[in-house]
Amino acid sequence: MYKSFYHFLMKYRTTKPKDAISRFANSAYDDLSFPKNSEDYDEISSYLELNGHYPESMAVFDDAWEEYLITES
């Protein structure tokens, strides 16, 4: 079983984000409603599309998701 996408994403969290994935990870960390236990692309993607306060485009999520699938499979 995969760990959640959120758990995977937290390895990119940093106090001084230097790239898009770090900013995305920090935003997810600060978002109390982020689906932290989800392993489902559609659930997370829908959440991000409906909550437009993320600083980068969905392309960052897609790139992070690809890495998640490669790393966690």
C-alpha atoms as a PDB file:
ATOM      1  CA  MET A   1       0.000   0.000   0.000  1.00  0.00           C
ATOM      2  CA  TYR A   2       1.154   3.483  -0.828  1.00  0.00           C
ATOM      3  CA  LYS A   3       1.737   6.096   1.782  1.00  0.00           C
ATOM      4  CA  SER A   4      -0.532   9.055   1.208  1.00  0.00           C
ATOM      5  CA  PHE A   5       0.397  11.657  -1.372  1.00  0.00           C
ATOM      6  CA  TYR A   6       0.518  14.251   1.402  1.00  0.00           C
ATOM      7  CA  HIS A   7       3.011  12.153   3.367  1.00  0.00           C
ATOM      8  CA  PHE A   8       5.159  11.782   0.240  1.00  0.00           C
ATOM      9  CA  LEU A   9       4.916  15.520  -0.474  1.00  0.00           C
ATOM     10  CA  MET A  10       6.137  16.515   2.976  1.00  0.00           C
ATOM     11  CA  LYS A  11       9.691  15.461   2.129  1.00  0.00           C
ATOM     12  CA  TYR A  12       9.782  18.574  -0.090  1.00  0.00           C
ATOM     13  CA  ARG A  13       8.648  20.935   2.655  1.00  0.00           C
ATOM     14  CA  THR A  14      11.265  23.487   3.673  1.00  0.00           C
ATOM     15  CA  THR A  15      11.441  26.736   5.606  1.00  0.00           C
ATOM     16  CA  LYS A  16      12.858  28.568   2.572  1.00  0.00           C
ATOM     17  CA  PRO A  17      11.284  27.029  -0.532  1.00  0.00           C
ATOM     18  CA  LYS A  18      13.445  27.454  -3.615  1.00  0.00           C
ATOM     19  CA  ASP A  19      11.294  25.671  -6.189  1.00  0.00           C
ATOM     20  CA  ALA A  20       7.691  25.077  -7.173  1.00  0.00           C
ATOM     21  CA  ILE A  21       7.328  21.685  -5.512  1.00  0.00           C
ATOM     22  CA  SER A  22       8.625  23.053  -2.192  1.00  0.00           C
ATOM     23  CA  ARG A  23       6.124  25.921  -2.356  1.00  0.00           C
ATOM     24  CA  PHE A  24       3.387  23.403  -3.153  1.00  0.00           C
ATOM     25  CA  ALA A  25       4.422  21.204  -0.208  1.00  0.00           C
ATOM     26  CA  ASN A  26       4.432  24.186   2.136  1.00  0.00           C
ATOM     27  CA  SER A  27       0.971  25.231   0.931  1.00  0.00           C
ATOM     28  CA  ALA A  28      -0.383  21.712   1.456  1.00  0.00           C
ATOM     29  CA  TYR A  29       1.131  21.641   4.947  1.00  0.00           C
ATOM     30  CA  ASP A  30      -0.541  24.935   5.855  1.00  0.00           C
ATOM     31  CA  ASP A  31      -3.894  23.818   4.418  1.00  0.00           C
ATOM     32  CA  LEU A  32      -5.854  22.157   7.221  1.00  0.00           C
ATOM     33  CA  SER A  33      -8.417  20.827   4.731  1.00  0.00           C
ATOM     34  CA  PHE A  34      -5.944  19.173   2.348  1.00  0.00           C
ATOM     35  CA  PRO A  35      -6.893  15.479   1.862  1.00  0.00           C
ATOM     36  CA  LYS A  36      -3.954  14.221   3.917  1.00  0.00           C
ATOM     37  CA  ASN A  37      -4.829  10.528   3.818  1.00  0.00           C
ATOM     38  CA  SER A  38      -5.656  10.284   0.134  1.00  0.00           C
ATOM     39  CA  GLU A  39      -3.833   8.163  -2.421  1.00  0.00           C
ATOM     40  CA  ASP A  40      -6.358   9.066  -5.142  1.00  0.00           C
ATOM     41  CA  TYR A  41      -5.336  11.377  -7.996  1.00  0.00           C
ATOM     42  CA  ASP A  42      -8.896  12.442  -8.833  1.00  0.00           C
ATOM     43  CA  GLU A  43      -9.752  13.297  -5.229  1.00  0.00           C
ATOM     44  CA  ILE A  44      -6.650  15.441  -4.749  1.00  0.00           C
ATOM     45  CA  SER A  45      -6.860  17.022  -8.187  1.00  0.00           C
ATOM     46  CA  SER A  46     -10.500  18.002  -7.640  1.00  0.00           C
ATOM     47  CA  TYR A  47      -9.648  19.422  -4.231  1.00  0.00           C
ATOM     48  CA  LEU A  48      -6.843  21.566  -5.695  1.00  0.00           C
ATOM     49  CA  GLU A  49      -9.020  22.809  -8.552  1.00  0.00           C
ATOM     50  CA  LEU A  50     -11.786  23.839  -6.150  1.00  0.00           C
ATOM     51  CA  ASN A  51      -9.377  25.502  -3.715  1.00  0.00           C
ATOM     52  CA  GLY A  52      -7.511  28.005  -5.842  1.00  0.00           C
ATOM     53  CA  HIS A  53      -5.153  29.294  -3.193  1.00  0.00           C
ATOM     54  CA  TYR A  54      -2.236  27.161  -4.358  1.00  0.00           C
ATOM     55  CA  PRO A  55       0.588  29.320  -5.722  1.00  0.00           C
ATOM     56  CA  GLU A  56       1.479  27.233  -8.774  1.00  0.00           C
ATOM     57  CA  SER A  57      -0.408  25.626 -11.613  1.00  0.00           C
ATOM     58  CA  MET A  58      -1.765  22.104 -11.700  1.00  0.00           C
ATOM     59  CA  ALA A  59       1.381  21.174 -13.650  1.00  0.00           C
ATOM     60  CA  VAL A  60       3.310  21.167 -10.359  1.00  0.00           C
ATOM     61  CA  PHE A  61       0.802  18.745  -8.889  1.00  0.00           C
ATOM     62  CA  ASP A  62       1.022  16.538 -11.978  1.00  0.00           C
ATOM     63  CA  ASP A  63       4.827  16.463 -11.777  1.00  0.00           C
ATOM     64  CA  ALA A  64       4.723  15.678  -8.068  1.00  0.00           C
ATOM     65  CA  TRP A  65       2.111  12.956  -8.684  1.00  0.00           C
ATOM     66  CA  GLU A  66       4.339  11.296 -11.295  1.00  0.00           C
ATOM     67  CA  GLU A  67       7.223  11.302  -8.818  1.00  0.00           C
ATOM     68  CA  TYR A  68       4.889   9.889  -6.161  1.00  0.00           C
ATOM     69  CA  LEU A  69       3.896   7.001  -8.422  1.00  0.00           C
ATOM     70  CA  ILE A  70       7.503   6.212  -9.329  1.00  0.00           C
ATOM     71  CA  THR A  71       8.794   6.477  -5.767  1.00  0.00           C
ATOM     72  CA  GLU A  72       5.974   4.713  -3.968  1.00  0.00           C
ATOM     73  CA  SER A  73       5.226   1.847  -6.350  1.00  0.00           C
END
